[in-house]
Amino acid sequence: MRLTHGNQAGSFPFAVPAFSLVSKGIFMTLGSSLLYGFAPVICSFSYQLGNNPYTMAFLRSVFVIPVLHVLCHVKGIGYSLPLQRLPDLLIAGVFSIMTTWLLYMSYAYLGVGTAVSIHFLYPLFTHMICRYAFHDTVSKVQLRSLLIASAGLLLFVNPHDITNVKGVLIAACSGLCYAMYLVWLEKRRLSEINDLKLSYYLAIIASSFLLVLNLFTRQLVWVQPAESYFYVFLVAMCTSFLASVLLKKGIGLIGSAKAGFLCLAEPVLSMIFGIVFLHEPFLINKALGCIVIVWSILTSFKRRA
């Protein structure tokens, strides 16, 4: 059974099991976290071959454009958009781009683990925006679970990095931009746009912005071995295509606040993949952080059920 929601045409390229709408939203959001969590492993293989984060962000958007174009054509999905949708789409694209750009910028001031951990405070930002800007209801159980999960994230942080205020602020702004992106998708009803079409236009906006930005930063690396480009293509398929579509569909089914909370599974999965595939050290503080995050997610959704 192909997934549909309301009158919206289901466009995901493969069928999903017949769960309830909420279960589908949870399933798809966790699937998105799984793919995003595995992407850093593939990125590390590419970086070892001469690539860099800026080039990865640019090429992953470029590589996914023709794939999405072909899929839209094969499935008979038109490329046109109502003119009134364009400003909202551009704003969503800017939030998405700024998320990546600020996160990568924070790596110059903080360790990657610390920067990513601070970035992943975005579910807390998402709930704050929904609560105070849109007056959404946030239960005490939900808020308590979110605060516990945020405390678990702090166990991933290197204490020596906290003194770098500039880096901490940049990483926090990255999380804030991503929270605004998630909320914008839901509140501006962009989740009603066909999944593939939305991902297609967001990829065009992202690649165009980064290409123009490169005129000033000069960070793009064009000369790389074929193996590195292959890894970039895998990242593009995992993140800019599959994970992006899954997350967008999950937001449409369960809302940005709940989806953002489930995305906290991503740093847990990233740590597990890093240990398995990159032979990263198993640290007690990170293990405790994982346990706290998983427990808070399970507690929140169990109480909600």
C-alpha atoms as a PDB file:
ATOM      1  CA  MET A   1       0.000   0.000   0.000  1.00  0.00           C
ATOM      2  CA  ARG A   2       1.505   3.316  -1.058  1.00  0.00           C
ATOM      3  CA  LEU A   3       1.478   5.965   1.607  1.00  0.00           C
ATOM      4  CA  THR A   4      -0.992   8.792   1.223  1.00  0.00           C
ATOM      5  CA  HIS A   5      -2.029  11.495   3.644  1.00  0.00           C
ATOM      6  CA  GLY A   6      -5.343  13.213   3.176  1.00  0.00           C
ATOM      7  CA  ASN A   7      -5.706  14.339  -0.441  1.00  0.00           C
ATOM      8  CA  GLN A   8      -1.956  14.487  -0.942  1.00  0.00           C
ATOM      9  CA  ALA A   9      -0.523  12.169  -3.557  1.00  0.00           C
ATOM     10  CA  GLY A  10       1.865   9.650  -2.076  1.00  0.00           C
ATOM     11  CA  SER A  11       5.098   9.960  -3.978  1.00  0.00           C
ATOM     12  CA  PHE A  12       7.621   7.949  -2.026  1.00  0.00           C
ATOM     13  CA  PRO A  13       9.318   5.583  -4.499  1.00  0.00           C
ATOM     14  CA  PHE A  14       8.477   2.369  -2.645  1.00  0.00           C
ATOM     15  CA  ALA A  15       5.567   0.967  -0.671  1.00  0.00           C
ATOM     16  CA  VAL A  16       5.385   1.000   3.126  1.00  0.00           C
ATOM     17  CA  PRO A  17       3.479  -1.285   5.507  1.00  0.00           C
ATOM     18  CA  ALA A  18      -0.116  -0.491   6.461  1.00  0.00           C
ATOM     19  CA  PHE A  19       0.392   1.165   9.850  1.00  0.00           C
ATOM     20  CA  SER A  20      -1.633   3.934  11.441  1.00  0.00           C
ATOM     21  CA  LEU A  21      -0.766   7.447  10.307  1.00  0.00           C
ATOM     22  CA  VAL A  22       1.119   8.180  13.539  1.00  0.00           C
ATOM     23  CA  SER A  23       3.027   4.888  13.305  1.00  0.00           C
ATOM     24  CA  LYS A  24       3.961   5.695   9.719  1.00  0.00           C
ATOM     25  CA  GLY A  25       5.199   9.113  10.786  1.00  0.00           C
ATOM     26  CA  ILE A  26       7.336   7.601  13.551  1.00  0.00           C
ATOM     27  CA  PHE A  27       8.652   4.891  11.220  1.00  0.00           C
ATOM     28  CA  MET A  28       9.613   7.391   8.526  1.00  0.00           C
ATOM     29  CA  THR A  29      11.201   9.883  10.910  1.00  0.00           C
ATOM     30  CA  LEU A  30      13.324   7.149  12.507  1.00  0.00           C
ATOM     31  CA  GLY A  31      14.253   5.931   9.023  1.00  0.00           C
ATOM     32  CA  SER A  32      15.418   9.447   8.238  1.00  0.00           C
ATOM     33  CA  SER A  33      17.518   9.491  11.428  1.00  0.00           C
ATOM     34  CA  LEU A  34      19.054   6.146  10.485  1.00  0.00           C
ATOM     35  CA  LEU A  35      20.169   7.451   7.093  1.00  0.00           C
ATOM     36  CA  TYR A  36      21.401  10.782   8.454  1.00  0.00           C
ATOM     37  CA  GLY A  37      23.221   8.920  11.220  1.00  0.00           C
ATOM     38  CA  PHE A  38      25.060   6.696   8.750  1.00  0.00           C
ATOM     39  CA  ALA A  39      26.014   9.551   6.407  1.00  0.00           C
ATOM     40  CA  PRO A  40      29.017  10.758   8.513  1.00  0.00           C
ATOM     41  CA  VAL A  41      30.616   7.325   8.095  1.00  0.00           C
ATOM     42  CA  ILE A  42      30.447   7.631   4.308  1.00  0.00           C
ATOM     43  CA  CYS A  43      31.594  11.264   4.515  1.00  0.00           C
ATOM     44  CA  SER A  44      34.694  10.256   6.468  1.00  0.00           C
ATOM     45  CA  PHE A  45      35.697   7.845   3.688  1.00  0.00           C
ATOM     46  CA  SER A  46      35.396  10.679   1.167  1.00  0.00           C
ATOM     47  CA  TYR A  47      37.307  13.165   3.352  1.00  0.00           C
ATOM     48  CA  GLN A  48      40.218  10.722   3.523  1.00  0.00           C
ATOM     49  CA  LEU A  49      40.416  10.957  -0.274  1.00  0.00           C
ATOM     50  CA  GLY A  50      40.688  14.765  -0.403  1.00  0.00           C
ATOM     51  CA  ASN A  51      37.101  15.969  -0.092  1.00  0.00           C
ATOM     52  CA  ASN A  52      35.951  18.575   2.449  1.00  0.00           C
ATOM     53  CA  PRO A  53      32.626  19.334   4.209  1.00  0.00           C
ATOM     54  CA  TYR A  54      31.771  22.362   2.038  1.00  0.00           C
ATOM     55  CA  THR A  55      32.265  20.398  -1.185  1.00  0.00           C
ATOM     56  CA  MET A  56      30.289  17.496   0.254  1.00  0.00           C
ATOM     57  CA  ALA A  57      27.349  19.790   1.058  1.00  0.00           C
ATOM     58  CA  PHE A  58      27.419  21.261  -2.451  1.00  0.00           C
ATOM     59  CA  LEU A  59      27.887  18.048  -4.437  1.00  0.00           C
ATOM     60  CA  ARG A  60      25.314  16.053  -2.492  1.00  0.00           C
ATOM     61  CA  SER A  61      22.698  18.585  -3.618  1.00  0.00           C
ATOM     62  CA  VAL A  62      23.984  18.645  -7.201  1.00  0.00           C
ATOM     63  CA  PHE A  63      24.079  14.857  -7.553  1.00  0.00           C
ATOM     64  CA  VAL A  64      20.531  14.370  -6.328  1.00  0.00           C
ATOM     65  CA  ILE A  65      18.964  16.892  -8.741  1.00  0.00           C
ATOM     66  CA  PRO A  66      19.026  14.665 -11.888  1.00  0.00           C
ATOM     67  CA  VAL A  67      17.827  11.652  -9.881  1.00  0.00           C
ATOM     68  CA  LEU A  68      14.847  13.567  -8.519  1.00  0.00           C
ATOM     69  CA  HIS A  69      14.187  15.084 -11.952  1.00  0.00           C
ATOM     70  CA  VAL A  70      13.974  11.637 -13.556  1.00  0.00           C
ATOM     71  CA  LEU A  71      11.783  10.258 -10.758  1.00  0.00           C
ATOM     72  CA  CYS A  72       9.377  13.179 -11.063  1.00  0.00           C
ATOM     73  CA  HIS A  73       9.196  12.623 -14.829  1.00  0.00           C
ATOM     74  CA  VAL A  74       8.676   8.848 -14.546  1.00  0.00           C
ATOM     75  CA  LYS A  75       5.962   9.241 -11.909  1.00  0.00           C
ATOM     76  CA  GLY A  76       4.215  11.975 -13.885  1.00  0.00           C
ATOM     77  CA  ILE A  77       4.829  14.651 -11.254  1.00  0.00           C
ATOM     78  CA  GLY A  78       4.717  18.146 -12.699  1.00  0.00           C
ATOM     79  CA  TYR A  79       7.521  20.597 -11.996  1.00  0.00           C
ATOM     80  CA  SER A  80       5.317  23.664 -11.681  1.00  0.00           C
ATOM     81  CA  LEU A  81       4.596  25.346  -8.354  1.00  0.00           C
ATOM     82  CA  PRO A  82       2.007  27.964  -7.425  1.00  0.00           C
ATOM     83  CA  LEU A  83       3.722  31.353  -7.422  1.00  0.00           C
ATOM     84  CA  GLN A  84       2.619  32.033  -3.843  1.00  0.00           C
ATOM     85  CA  ARG A  85       4.583  28.947  -2.722  1.00  0.00           C
ATOM     86  CA  LEU A  86       7.903  30.304  -3.979  1.00  0.00           C
ATOM     87  CA  PRO A  87       8.712  32.681  -1.063  1.00  0.00           C
ATOM     88  CA  ASP A  88       7.994  29.967   1.518  1.00  0.00           C
ATOM     89  CA  LEU A  89      10.114  27.488  -0.436  1.00  0.00           C
ATOM     90  CA  LEU A  90      13.023  29.925  -0.686  1.00  0.00           C
ATOM     91  CA  ILE A  91      12.866  30.618   3.060  1.00  0.00           C
ATOM     92  CA  ALA A  92      12.848  26.872   3.804  1.00  0.00           C
ATOM     93  CA  GLY A  93      15.843  26.482   1.496  1.00  0.00           C
ATOM     94  CA  VAL A  94      17.721  29.273   3.278  1.00  0.00           C
ATOM     95  CA  PHE A  95      17.048  27.713   6.696  1.00  0.00           C
ATOM     96  CA  SER A  96      18.308  24.358   5.392  1.00  0.00           C
ATOM     97  CA  ILE A  97      21.428  25.871   3.844  1.00  0.00           C
ATOM     98  CA  MET A  98      22.259  27.979   6.895  1.00  0.00           C
ATOM     99  CA  THR A  99      21.974  24.861   9.055  1.00  0.00           C
ATOM    100  CA  THR A 100      24.681  23.069   7.095  1.00  0.00           C
ATOM    101  CA  TRP A 101      26.880  26.140   6.639  1.00  0.00           C
ATOM    102  CA  LEU A 102      26.848  27.139  10.323  1.00  0.00           C
ATOM    103  CA  LEU A 103      27.423  23.567  11.494  1.00  0.00           C
ATOM    104  CA  TYR A 104      30.449  23.184   9.235  1.00  0.00           C
ATOM    105  CA  MET A 105      31.696  26.638  10.312  1.00  0.00           C
ATOM    106  CA  SER A 106      31.525  25.574  13.969  1.00  0.00           C
ATOM    107  CA  TYR A 107      34.003  22.757  13.246  1.00  0.00           C
ATOM    108  CA  ALA A 108      36.732  25.429  12.995  1.00  0.00           C
ATOM    109  CA  TYR A 109      36.179  26.344  16.650  1.00  0.00           C
ATOM    110  CA  LEU A 110      34.907  23.152  18.306  1.00  0.00           C
ATOM    111  CA  GLY A 111      35.488  19.455  18.125  1.00  0.00           C
ATOM    112  CA  VAL A 112      33.085  17.711  15.757  1.00  0.00           C
ATOM    113  CA  GLY A 113      31.445  15.759  18.586  1.00  0.00           C
ATOM    114  CA  THR A 114      30.824  18.896  20.636  1.00  0.00           C
ATOM    115  CA  ALA A 115      29.535  20.884  17.646  1.00  0.00           C
ATOM    116  CA  VAL A 116      27.115  18.131  16.609  1.00  0.00           C
ATOM    117  CA  SER A 117      25.888  17.671  20.190  1.00  0.00           C
ATOM    118  CA  ILE A 118      25.096  21.381  20.525  1.00  0.00           C
ATOM    119  CA  HIS A 119      23.453  21.360  17.085  1.00  0.00           C
ATOM    120  CA  PHE A 120      21.196  18.521  18.226  1.00  0.00           C
ATOM    121  CA  LEU A 121      19.595  20.753  20.796  1.00  0.00           C
ATOM    122  CA  TYR A 122      17.313  21.724  17.892  1.00  0.00           C
ATOM    123  CA  PRO A 123      14.369  19.608  19.164  1.00  0.00           C
ATOM    124  CA  LEU A 124      14.352  21.863  22.238  1.00  0.00           C
ATOM    125  CA  PHE A 125      14.381  24.928  19.963  1.00  0.00           C
ATOM    126  CA  THR A 126      11.598  23.361  17.863  1.00  0.00           C
ATOM    127  CA  HIS A 127       9.364  22.932  20.889  1.00  0.00           C
ATOM    128  CA  MET A 128      10.098  26.471  22.096  1.00  0.00           C
ATOM    129  CA  ILE A 129       9.179  27.936  18.692  1.00  0.00           C
ATOM    130  CA  CYS A 130       5.994  25.858  18.477  1.00  0.00           C
ATOM    131  CA  ARG A 131       5.027  26.765  22.035  1.00  0.00           C
ATOM    132  CA  TYR A 132       5.758  30.498  22.103  1.00  0.00           C
ATOM    133  CA  ALA A 133       5.436  31.536  18.445  1.00  0.00           C
ATOM    134  CA  PHE A 134       2.512  29.312  17.446  1.00  0.00           C
ATOM    135  CA  HIS A 135       1.011  28.542  20.889  1.00  0.00           C
ATOM    136  CA  ASP A 136       1.078  24.787  20.365  1.00  0.00           C
ATOM    137  CA  THR A 137       0.356  22.636  23.403  1.00  0.00           C
ATOM    138  CA  VAL A 138       3.409  21.009  24.979  1.00  0.00           C
ATOM    139  CA  SER A 139       2.657  18.477  27.716  1.00  0.00           C
ATOM    140  CA  LYS A 140       4.701  18.293  30.901  1.00  0.00           C
ATOM    141  CA  VAL A 141       5.738  14.734  30.032  1.00  0.00           C
ATOM    142  CA  GLN A 142       6.904  15.830  26.598  1.00  0.00           C
ATOM    143  CA  LEU A 143       8.852  18.790  27.975  1.00  0.00           C
ATOM    144  CA  ARG A 144      10.429  16.713  30.751  1.00  0.00           C
ATOM    145  CA  SER A 145      11.496  14.007  28.293  1.00  0.00           C
ATOM    146  CA  LEU A 146      12.966  16.631  25.989  1.00  0.00           C
ATOM    147  CA  LEU A 147      14.981  18.236  28.790  1.00  0.00           C
ATOM    148  CA  ILE A 148      16.284  14.815  29.855  1.00  0.00           C
ATOM    149  CA  ALA A 149      17.297  14.043  26.261  1.00  0.00           C
ATOM    150  CA  SER A 150      19.059  17.414  26.007  1.00  0.00           C
ATOM    151  CA  ALA A 151      20.975  16.586  29.190  1.00  0.00           C
ATOM    152  CA  GLY A 152      21.968  13.290  27.576  1.00  0.00           C
ATOM    153  CA  LEU A 153      23.312  15.199  24.582  1.00  0.00           C
ATOM    154  CA  LEU A 154      25.537  17.274  26.851  1.00  0.00           C
ATOM    155  CA  LEU A 155      27.301  14.064  27.894  1.00  0.00           C
ATOM    156  CA  PHE A 156      28.699  13.959  24.341  1.00  0.00           C
ATOM    157  CA  VAL A 157      30.317  17.383  24.779  1.00  0.00           C
ATOM    158  CA  ASN A 158      34.046  17.828  25.368  1.00  0.00           C
ATOM    159  CA  PRO A 159      34.316  20.117  28.453  1.00  0.00           C
ATOM    160  CA  HIS A 160      37.352  21.902  26.972  1.00  0.00           C
ATOM    161  CA  ASP A 161      35.260  23.132  24.008  1.00  0.00           C
ATOM    162  CA  ILE A 162      32.650  24.909  26.125  1.00  0.00           C
ATOM    163  CA  THR A 163      35.042  27.813  26.784  1.00  0.00           C
ATOM    164  CA  ASN A 164      34.972  28.719  23.077  1.00  0.00           C
ATOM    165  CA  VAL A 165      31.909  30.951  23.182  1.00  0.00           C
ATOM    166  CA  LYS A 166      31.997  31.820  19.474  1.00  0.00           C
ATOM    167  CA  GLY A 167      32.003  28.173  18.424  1.00  0.00           C
ATOM    168  CA  VAL A 168      29.202  27.305  20.849  1.00  0.00           C
ATOM    169  CA  LEU A 169      27.050  30.164  19.536  1.00  0.00           C
ATOM    170  CA  ILE A 170      27.625  29.166  15.901  1.00  0.00           C
ATOM    171  CA  ALA A 171      26.721  25.531  16.604  1.00  0.00           C
ATOM    172  CA  ALA A 172      23.635  26.633  18.557  1.00  0.00           C
ATOM    173  CA  CYS A 173      22.567  28.875  15.666  1.00  0.00           C
ATOM    174  CA  SER A 174      22.895  25.866  13.380  1.00  0.00           C
ATOM    175  CA  GLY A 175      20.433  23.978  15.570  1.00  0.00           C
ATOM    176  CA  LEU A 176      18.126  26.997  15.703  1.00  0.00           C
ATOM    177  CA  CYS A 177      18.093  27.244  11.892  1.00  0.00           C
ATOM    178  CA  TYR A 178      17.222  23.570  11.585  1.00  0.00           C
ATOM    179  CA  ALA A 179      14.418  23.968  14.126  1.00  0.00           C
ATOM    180  CA  MET A 180      13.045  26.867  12.084  1.00  0.00           C
ATOM    181  CA  TYR A 181      13.307  24.720   8.947  1.00  0.00           C
ATOM    182  CA  LEU A 182      11.253  21.921  10.534  1.00  0.00           C
ATOM    183  CA  VAL A 183       8.628  24.313  11.868  1.00  0.00           C
ATOM    184  CA  TRP A 184       8.458  26.189   8.569  1.00  0.00           C
ATOM    185  CA  LEU A 185       7.773  22.963   6.646  1.00  0.00           C
ATOM    186  CA  GLU A 186       4.806  22.240   8.895  1.00  0.00           C
ATOM    187  CA  LYS A 187       3.343  25.666   9.594  1.00  0.00           C
ATOM    188  CA  ARG A 188       3.600  26.930   6.008  1.00  0.00           C
ATOM    189  CA  ARG A 189       2.078  23.642   4.834  1.00  0.00           C
ATOM    190  CA  LEU A 190       5.057  22.802   2.637  1.00  0.00           C
ATOM    191  CA  SER A 191       4.503  19.187   3.644  1.00  0.00           C
ATOM    192  CA  GLU A 192       1.536  19.286   1.261  1.00  0.00           C
ATOM    193  CA  ILE A 193       3.894  19.688  -1.699  1.00  0.00           C
ATOM    194  CA  ASN A 194       4.782  16.407  -3.360  1.00  0.00           C
ATOM    195  CA  ASP A 195       7.741  14.836  -1.543  1.00  0.00           C
ATOM    196  CA  LEU A 196       9.970  14.417  -4.587  1.00  0.00           C
ATOM    197  CA  LYS A 197       9.121  17.846  -5.979  1.00  0.00           C
ATOM    198  CA  LEU A 198       9.927  19.548  -2.662  1.00  0.00           C
ATOM    199  CA  SER A 199      13.272  17.753  -2.347  1.00  0.00           C
ATOM    200  CA  TYR A 200      14.030  18.624  -5.983  1.00  0.00           C
ATOM    201  CA  TYR A 201      13.544  22.353  -5.489  1.00  0.00           C
ATOM    202  CA  LEU A 202      15.337  22.426  -2.128  1.00  0.00           C
ATOM    203  CA  ALA A 203      18.352  20.742  -3.761  1.00  0.00           C
ATOM    204  CA  ILE A 204      18.367  23.360  -6.535  1.00  0.00           C
ATOM    205  CA  ILE A 205      18.185  26.204  -4.002  1.00  0.00           C
ATOM    206  CA  ALA A 206      20.955  24.700  -1.844  1.00  0.00           C
ATOM    207  CA  SER A 207      23.375  24.023  -4.700  1.00  0.00           C
ATOM    208  CA  SER A 208      22.790  27.466  -6.242  1.00  0.00           C
ATOM    209  CA  PHE A 209      23.391  29.247  -2.936  1.00  0.00           C
ATOM    210  CA  LEU A 210      26.574  27.296  -2.170  1.00  0.00           C
ATOM    211  CA  LEU A 211      27.922  27.802  -5.685  1.00  0.00           C
ATOM    212  CA  VAL A 212      27.491  31.569  -5.397  1.00  0.00           C
ATOM    213  CA  LEU A 213      28.969  31.527  -1.894  1.00  0.00           C
ATOM    214  CA  ASN A 214      32.026  29.714  -3.243  1.00  0.00           C
ATOM    215  CA  LEU A 215      32.896  32.820  -5.266  1.00  0.00           C
ATOM    216  CA  PHE A 216      33.880  34.337  -1.918  1.00  0.00           C
ATOM    217  CA  THR A 217      35.000  31.314   0.110  1.00  0.00           C
ATOM    218  CA  ARG A 218      36.838  29.314  -2.600  1.00  0.00           C
ATOM    219  CA  GLN A 219      36.312  26.081  -0.679  1.00  0.00           C
ATOM    220  CA  LEU A 220      35.070  23.782  -3.445  1.00  0.00           C
ATOM    221  CA  VAL A 221      37.437  20.928  -4.315  1.00  0.00           C
ATOM    222  CA  TRP A 222      36.872  19.672  -7.854  1.00  0.00           C
ATOM    223  CA  VAL A 223      39.846  17.339  -8.319  1.00  0.00           C
ATOM    224  CA  GLN A 224      39.056  14.131  -6.445  1.00  0.00           C
ATOM    225  CA  PRO A 225      39.417  10.422  -7.225  1.00  0.00           C
ATOM    226  CA  ALA A 226      36.408   8.574  -8.635  1.00  0.00           C
ATOM    227  CA  GLU A 227      36.020   6.669  -5.369  1.00  0.00           C
ATOM    228  CA  SER A 228      35.485   9.916  -3.484  1.00  0.00           C
ATOM    229  CA  TYR A 229      32.780  10.999  -5.933  1.00  0.00           C
ATOM    230  CA  PHE A 230      31.120   7.610  -5.470  1.00  0.00           C
ATOM    231  CA  TYR A 231      30.945   8.198  -1.714  1.00  0.00           C
ATOM    232  CA  VAL A 232      29.491  11.657  -2.343  1.00  0.00           C
ATOM    233  CA  PHE A 233      26.815  10.085  -4.535  1.00  0.00           C
ATOM    234  CA  LEU A 234      25.930   7.633  -1.750  1.00  0.00           C
ATOM    235  CA  VAL A 235      25.626  10.498   0.734  1.00  0.00           C
ATOM    236  CA  ALA A 236      23.415  12.386  -1.723  1.00  0.00           C
ATOM    237  CA  MET A 237      21.091   9.406  -2.069  1.00  0.00           C
ATOM    238  CA  CYS A 238      21.004   8.811   1.697  1.00  0.00           C
ATOM    239  CA  THR A 239      20.483  12.414   2.800  1.00  0.00           C
ATOM    240  CA  SER A 240      19.271  14.770   0.074  1.00  0.00           C
ATOM    241  CA  PHE A 241      16.955  12.117  -1.368  1.00  0.00           C
ATOM    242  CA  LEU A 242      15.784   9.300   0.920  1.00  0.00           C
ATOM    243  CA  ALA A 243      16.268  10.906   4.351  1.00  0.00           C
ATOM    244  CA  SER A 244      14.895  14.254   3.188  1.00  0.00           C
ATOM    245  CA  VAL A 245      11.749  12.674   1.742  1.00  0.00           C
ATOM    246  CA  LEU A 246      11.243  10.476   4.812  1.00  0.00           C
ATOM    247  CA  LEU A 247      11.641  13.402   7.213  1.00  0.00           C
ATOM    248  CA  LYS A 248       9.293  15.614   5.227  1.00  0.00           C
ATOM    249  CA  LYS A 249       6.665  12.873   5.180  1.00  0.00           C
ATOM    250  CA  GLY A 250       7.161  12.233   8.890  1.00  0.00           C
ATOM    251  CA  ILE A 251       6.639  15.925   9.670  1.00  0.00           C
ATOM    252  CA  GLY A 252       3.439  15.879   7.629  1.00  0.00           C
ATOM    253  CA  LEU A 253       2.099  12.960   9.675  1.00  0.00           C
ATOM    254  CA  ILE A 254       3.207  13.674  13.258  1.00  0.00           C
ATOM    255  CA  GLY A 255       4.194  17.369  13.249  1.00  0.00           C
ATOM    256  CA  SER A 256       7.537  19.139  13.475  1.00  0.00           C
ATOM    257  CA  ALA A 257       7.809  19.015  17.285  1.00  0.00           C
ATOM    258  CA  LYS A 258       7.415  15.235  17.552  1.00  0.00           C
ATOM    259  CA  ALA A 259       9.551  14.644  14.462  1.00  0.00           C
ATOM    260  CA  GLY A 260      12.307  16.837  15.868  1.00  0.00           C
ATOM    261  CA  PHE A 261      12.211  14.875  19.121  1.00  0.00           C
ATOM    262  CA  LEU A 262      12.548  11.541  17.283  1.00  0.00           C
ATOM    263  CA  CYS A 263      15.510  12.947  15.345  1.00  0.00           C
ATOM    264  CA  LEU A 264      17.451  12.781  18.618  1.00  0.00           C
ATOM    265  CA  ALA A 265      18.031   9.146  17.668  1.00  0.00           C
ATOM    266  CA  GLU A 266      20.486  10.376  15.019  1.00  0.00           C
ATOM    267  CA  PRO A 267      23.492  11.137  17.300  1.00  0.00           C
ATOM    268  CA  VAL A 268      22.952   7.785  19.025  1.00  0.00           C
ATOM    269  CA  LEU A 269      23.011   5.980  15.683  1.00  0.00           C
ATOM    270  CA  SER A 270      26.014   8.031  14.532  1.00  0.00           C
ATOM    271  CA  MET A 271      27.982   6.954  17.598  1.00  0.00           C
ATOM    272  CA  ILE A 272      27.099   3.283  17.042  1.00  0.00           C
ATOM    273  CA  PHE A 273      28.040   3.451  13.357  1.00  0.00           C
ATOM    274  CA  GLY A 274      31.277   5.251  14.237  1.00  0.00           C
ATOM    275  CA  ILE A 275      32.274   2.476  16.627  1.00  0.00           C
ATOM    276  CA  VAL A 276      31.361  -0.304  14.171  1.00  0.00           C
ATOM    277  CA  PHE A 277      32.693   1.126  10.906  1.00  0.00           C
ATOM    278  CA  LEU A 278      35.313   3.704  11.938  1.00  0.00           C
ATOM    279  CA  HIS A 279      36.607   1.909  15.058  1.00  0.00           C
ATOM    280  CA  GLU A 280      36.027   4.991  17.192  1.00  0.00           C
ATOM    281  CA  PRO A 281      36.622   4.516  20.941  1.00  0.00           C
ATOM    282  CA  PHE A 282      33.736   3.461  23.140  1.00  0.00           C
ATOM    283  CA  LEU A 283      33.509   6.108  25.863  1.00  0.00           C
ATOM    284  CA  ILE A 284      31.454   5.742  29.026  1.00  0.00           C
ATOM    285  CA  ASN A 285      30.098   9.298  28.945  1.00  0.00           C
ATOM    286  CA  LYS A 286      28.790   8.835  25.400  1.00  0.00           C
ATOM    287  CA  ALA A 287      27.278   5.469  26.286  1.00  0.00           C
ATOM    288  CA  LEU A 288      25.461   7.094  29.207  1.00  0.00           C
ATOM    289  CA  GLY A 289      24.308   9.878  26.897  1.00  0.00           C
ATOM    290  CA  CYS A 290      22.885   7.315  24.466  1.00  0.00           C
ATOM    291  CA  ILE A 291      21.030   5.516  27.254  1.00  0.00           C
ATOM    292  CA  VAL A 292      19.528   8.772  28.535  1.00  0.00           C
ATOM    293  CA  ILE A 293      18.412   9.854  25.042  1.00  0.00           C
ATOM    294  CA  VAL A 294      16.856   6.499  24.128  1.00  0.00           C
ATOM    295  CA  TRP A 295      15.120   6.271  27.512  1.00  0.00           C
ATOM    296  CA  SER A 296      13.661   9.767  27.158  1.00  0.00           C
ATOM    297  CA  ILE A 297      12.332   9.023  23.654  1.00  0.00           C
ATOM    298  CA  LEU A 298      10.770   5.720  24.701  1.00  0.00           C
ATOM    299  CA  THR A 299       9.258   7.250  27.835  1.00  0.00           C
ATOM    300  CA  SER A 300       7.762  10.170  25.944  1.00  0.00           C
ATOM    301  CA  PHE A 301       6.099   8.096  23.240  1.00  0.00           C
ATOM    302  CA  LYS A 302       4.998   5.352  25.628  1.00  0.00           C
ATOM    303  CA  ARG A 303       3.238   7.892  27.844  1.00  0.00           C
ATOM    304  CA  ARG A 304       1.735   9.523  24.768  1.00  0.00           C
ATOM    305  CA  ALA A 305       0.432   6.199  23.487  1.00  0.00           C
END
